[in-house]
Amino acid sequence: MSYLLQSLADQQLKANLPTLHVGDIVKVHNRIVEGASERVQMFQGTIIALKEAGPATSITVRKTGAHGVGVERVFRVHSPRVETVEVLRHSKVRRAKLYFLRNRVGKKARLKQVRR
């Protein structure tokens, strides 16, 4: 029975995803349905948490919105609602979760860039 579930889970995985790491600055293209119309909305921010669980893999992306208010969204990476994930920049981090960025504002919230 688990073989059947595993094969169904493997069919849901996207093949064209980049390798994602905590600290990366990404642009997530998310499909939004409003009534009968559908559009793609982009959300750009830093990955502060990454949970790898096969088809349920999720990333938590944080950005600073209007008036310095922090906005976090959790995206299921293999969801049909998520079209693409672009990695714009890599950062050097020494932690698995970057929750400390929630308490930082402005230049203190920056991470050191790494060229790969």
C-alpha atoms as a PDB file:
ATOM      1  CA  MET A   1       0.000   0.000   0.000  1.00  0.00           C
ATOM      2  CA  SER A   2       2.811   2.428   0.769  1.00  0.00           C
ATOM      3  CA  TYR A   3       4.254   1.839  -2.718  1.00  0.00           C
ATOM      4  CA  LEU A   4       0.988   3.091  -4.218  1.00  0.00           C
ATOM      5  CA  LEU A   5       1.001   6.184  -2.013  1.00  0.00           C
ATOM      6  CA  GLN A   6       4.655   6.846  -2.814  1.00  0.00           C
ATOM      7  CA  SER A   7       4.022   6.635  -6.565  1.00  0.00           C
ATOM      8  CA  LEU A   8       1.110   9.067  -6.263  1.00  0.00           C
ATOM      9  CA  ALA A   9       3.276  11.461  -4.245  1.00  0.00           C
ATOM     10  CA  ASP A  10       6.088  11.289  -6.812  1.00  0.00           C
ATOM     11  CA  GLN A  11       3.675  12.298  -9.572  1.00  0.00           C
ATOM     12  CA  GLN A  12       2.904  15.549  -7.720  1.00  0.00           C
ATOM     13  CA  LEU A  13       6.555  16.671  -7.521  1.00  0.00           C
ATOM     14  CA  LYS A  14       7.722  19.462  -9.819  1.00  0.00           C
ATOM     15  CA  ALA A  15      10.895  18.751 -11.766  1.00  0.00           C
ATOM     16  CA  ASN A  16      11.880  22.321 -12.720  1.00  0.00           C
ATOM     17  CA  LEU A  17      12.466  23.729  -9.223  1.00  0.00           C
ATOM     18  CA  PRO A  18      15.809  25.316  -8.303  1.00  0.00           C
ATOM     19  CA  THR A  19      17.630  24.187  -5.193  1.00  0.00           C
ATOM     20  CA  LEU A  20      16.343  26.320  -2.349  1.00  0.00           C
ATOM     21  CA  HIS A  21      18.303  27.216   0.782  1.00  0.00           C
ATOM     22  CA  VAL A  22      17.500  29.241   3.858  1.00  0.00           C
ATOM     23  CA  GLY A  23      18.672  32.822   3.344  1.00  0.00           C
ATOM     24  CA  ASP A  24      18.006  32.891  -0.392  1.00  0.00           C
ATOM     25  CA  ILE A  25      16.128  35.867  -1.775  1.00  0.00           C
ATOM     26  CA  VAL A  26      13.424  34.439  -3.999  1.00  0.00           C
ATOM     27  CA  LYS A  27      10.585  35.611  -6.187  1.00  0.00           C
ATOM     28  CA  VAL A  28       7.556  33.305  -5.939  1.00  0.00           C
ATOM     29  CA  HIS A  29       5.007  33.473  -8.770  1.00  0.00           C
ATOM     30  CA  ASN A  30       1.699  32.540  -7.144  1.00  0.00           C
ATOM     31  CA  ARG A  31      -1.544  31.939  -9.072  1.00  0.00           C
ATOM     32  CA  ILE A  32      -4.540  33.701  -7.509  1.00  0.00           C
ATOM     33  CA  VAL A  33      -8.163  33.001  -8.417  1.00  0.00           C
ATOM     34  CA  GLU A  34     -10.572  35.901  -8.000  1.00  0.00           C
ATOM     35  CA  GLY A  35     -14.060  34.872  -8.984  1.00  0.00           C
ATOM     36  CA  ALA A  36     -13.877  33.668 -12.576  1.00  0.00           C
ATOM     37  CA  SER A  37     -10.583  35.377 -13.400  1.00  0.00           C
ATOM     38  CA  GLU A  38      -7.112  34.160 -12.628  1.00  0.00           C
ATOM     39  CA  ARG A  39      -3.871  36.095 -12.318  1.00  0.00           C
ATOM     40  CA  VAL A  40      -0.274  35.588 -11.234  1.00  0.00           C
ATOM     41  CA  GLN A  41       1.022  37.570  -8.266  1.00  0.00           C
ATOM     42  CA  MET A  42       4.696  37.782  -7.310  1.00  0.00           C
ATOM     43  CA  PHE A  43       5.975  37.706  -3.743  1.00  0.00           C
ATOM     44  CA  GLN A  44       9.647  38.581  -3.279  1.00  0.00           C
ATOM     45  CA  GLY A  45      11.469  38.056  -0.007  1.00  0.00           C
ATOM     46  CA  THR A  46      13.953  36.028   2.029  1.00  0.00           C
ATOM     47  CA  ILE A  47      13.460  32.361   2.834  1.00  0.00           C
ATOM     48  CA  ILE A  48      13.516  32.213   6.639  1.00  0.00           C
ATOM     49  CA  ALA A  49      12.381  28.587   7.007  1.00  0.00           C
ATOM     50  CA  LEU A  50      12.474  25.505   4.806  1.00  0.00           C
ATOM     51  CA  LYS A  51      10.616  22.302   5.611  1.00  0.00           C
ATOM     52  CA  GLU A  52      11.411  19.406   3.301  1.00  0.00           C
ATOM     53  CA  ALA A  53       8.697  16.767   3.336  1.00  0.00           C
ATOM     54  CA  GLY A  54       8.450  15.370  -0.195  1.00  0.00           C
ATOM     55  CA  PRO A  55       5.335  16.722  -1.920  1.00  0.00           C
ATOM     56  CA  ALA A  56       4.501  18.764   1.200  1.00  0.00           C
ATOM     57  CA  THR A  57       7.764  20.748   1.064  1.00  0.00           C
ATOM     58  CA  SER A  58       7.127  24.311   2.165  1.00  0.00           C
ATOM     59  CA  ILE A  59       9.085  27.544   2.411  1.00  0.00           C
ATOM     60  CA  THR A  60       8.377  30.548   4.604  1.00  0.00           C
ATOM     61  CA  VAL A  61       9.187  33.772   2.778  1.00  0.00           C
ATOM     62  CA  ARG A  62       9.475  37.100   4.603  1.00  0.00           C
ATOM     63  CA  LYS A  63       9.510  40.579   3.115  1.00  0.00           C
ATOM     64  CA  THR A  64       9.175  44.089   4.489  1.00  0.00           C
ATOM     65  CA  GLY A  65       5.925  45.596   3.271  1.00  0.00           C
ATOM     66  CA  ALA A  66       4.600  49.140   3.354  1.00  0.00           C
ATOM     67  CA  HIS A  67       5.577  51.335   6.327  1.00  0.00           C
ATOM     68  CA  GLY A  68       8.146  48.775   7.526  1.00  0.00           C
ATOM     69  CA  VAL A  69       5.596  46.096   8.360  1.00  0.00           C
ATOM     70  CA  GLY A  70       6.949  42.559   7.970  1.00  0.00           C
ATOM     71  CA  VAL A  71       4.899  40.146   5.873  1.00  0.00           C
ATOM     72  CA  GLU A  72       5.418  36.370   5.913  1.00  0.00           C
ATOM     73  CA  ARG A  73       3.812  33.796   3.685  1.00  0.00           C
ATOM     74  CA  VAL A  74       4.157  30.033   3.625  1.00  0.00           C
ATOM     75  CA  PHE A  75       4.226  28.447   0.165  1.00  0.00           C
ATOM     76  CA  ARG A  76       3.872  24.766  -0.641  1.00  0.00           C
ATOM     77  CA  VAL A  77       6.533  24.497  -3.312  1.00  0.00           C
ATOM     78  CA  HIS A  78       4.951  21.592  -5.214  1.00  0.00           C
ATOM     79  CA  SER A  79       1.454  23.106  -5.122  1.00  0.00           C
ATOM     80  CA  PRO A  80      -0.288  23.708  -8.462  1.00  0.00           C
ATOM     81  CA  ARG A  81      -0.939  27.290  -7.271  1.00  0.00           C
ATOM     82  CA  VAL A  82       2.804  28.054  -7.253  1.00  0.00           C
ATOM     83  CA  GLU A  83       3.930  28.531 -10.842  1.00  0.00           C
ATOM     84  CA  THR A  84       7.640  29.178 -10.466  1.00  0.00           C
ATOM     85  CA  VAL A  85      10.208  30.050  -7.827  1.00  0.00           C
ATOM     86  CA  GLU A  86      13.133  32.216  -8.958  1.00  0.00           C
ATOM     87  CA  VAL A  87      16.258  32.455  -6.831  1.00  0.00           C
ATOM     88  CA  LEU A  88      17.590  35.997  -7.128  1.00  0.00           C
ATOM     89  CA  ARG A  89      20.425  35.917  -4.575  1.00  0.00           C
ATOM     90  CA  HIS A  90      22.127  33.582  -2.128  1.00  0.00           C
ATOM     91  CA  SER A  91      23.119  34.619   1.381  1.00  0.00           C
ATOM     92  CA  LYS A  92      25.565  33.263   3.907  1.00  0.00           C
ATOM     93  CA  VAL A  93      23.697  31.945   6.944  1.00  0.00           C
ATOM     94  CA  ARG A  94      24.689  29.802   9.903  1.00  0.00           C
ATOM     95  CA  ARG A  95      21.241  28.765  11.068  1.00  0.00           C
ATOM     96  CA  ALA A  96      18.508  26.478   9.816  1.00  0.00           C
ATOM     97  CA  LYS A  97      15.736  28.944  10.672  1.00  0.00           C
ATOM     98  CA  LEU A  98      16.126  32.707  10.421  1.00  0.00           C
ATOM     99  CA  TYR A  99      13.400  33.701  12.854  1.00  0.00           C
ATOM    100  CA  PHE A 100      15.711  36.324  14.395  1.00  0.00           C
ATOM    101  CA  LEU A 101      15.068  38.502  11.318  1.00  0.00           C
ATOM    102  CA  ARG A 102      11.578  39.170  12.676  1.00  0.00           C
ATOM    103  CA  ASN A 103      13.086  41.437  15.341  1.00  0.00           C
ATOM    104  CA  ARG A 104      15.389  43.339  13.002  1.00  0.00           C
ATOM    105  CA  VAL A 105      14.583  46.381  10.920  1.00  0.00           C
ATOM    106  CA  GLY A 106      16.461  48.223   8.174  1.00  0.00           C
ATOM    107  CA  LYS A 107      20.155  47.584   7.627  1.00  0.00           C
ATOM    108  CA  LYS A 108      20.355  45.171  10.566  1.00  0.00           C
ATOM    109  CA  ALA A 109      18.034  42.802   8.715  1.00  0.00           C
ATOM    110  CA  ARG A 110      20.468  42.383   5.804  1.00  0.00           C
ATOM    111  CA  LEU A 111      22.309  39.131   5.138  1.00  0.00           C
ATOM    112  CA  LYS A 112      25.736  38.815   3.561  1.00  0.00           C
ATOM    113  CA  GLN A 113      25.584  37.903  -0.124  1.00  0.00           C
ATOM    114  CA  VAL A 114      27.352  34.807  -1.463  1.00  0.00           C
ATOM    115  CA  ARG A 115      28.224  34.324  -5.105  1.00  0.00           C
ATOM    116  CA  ARG A 116      27.674  30.780  -6.335  1.00  0.00           C
END
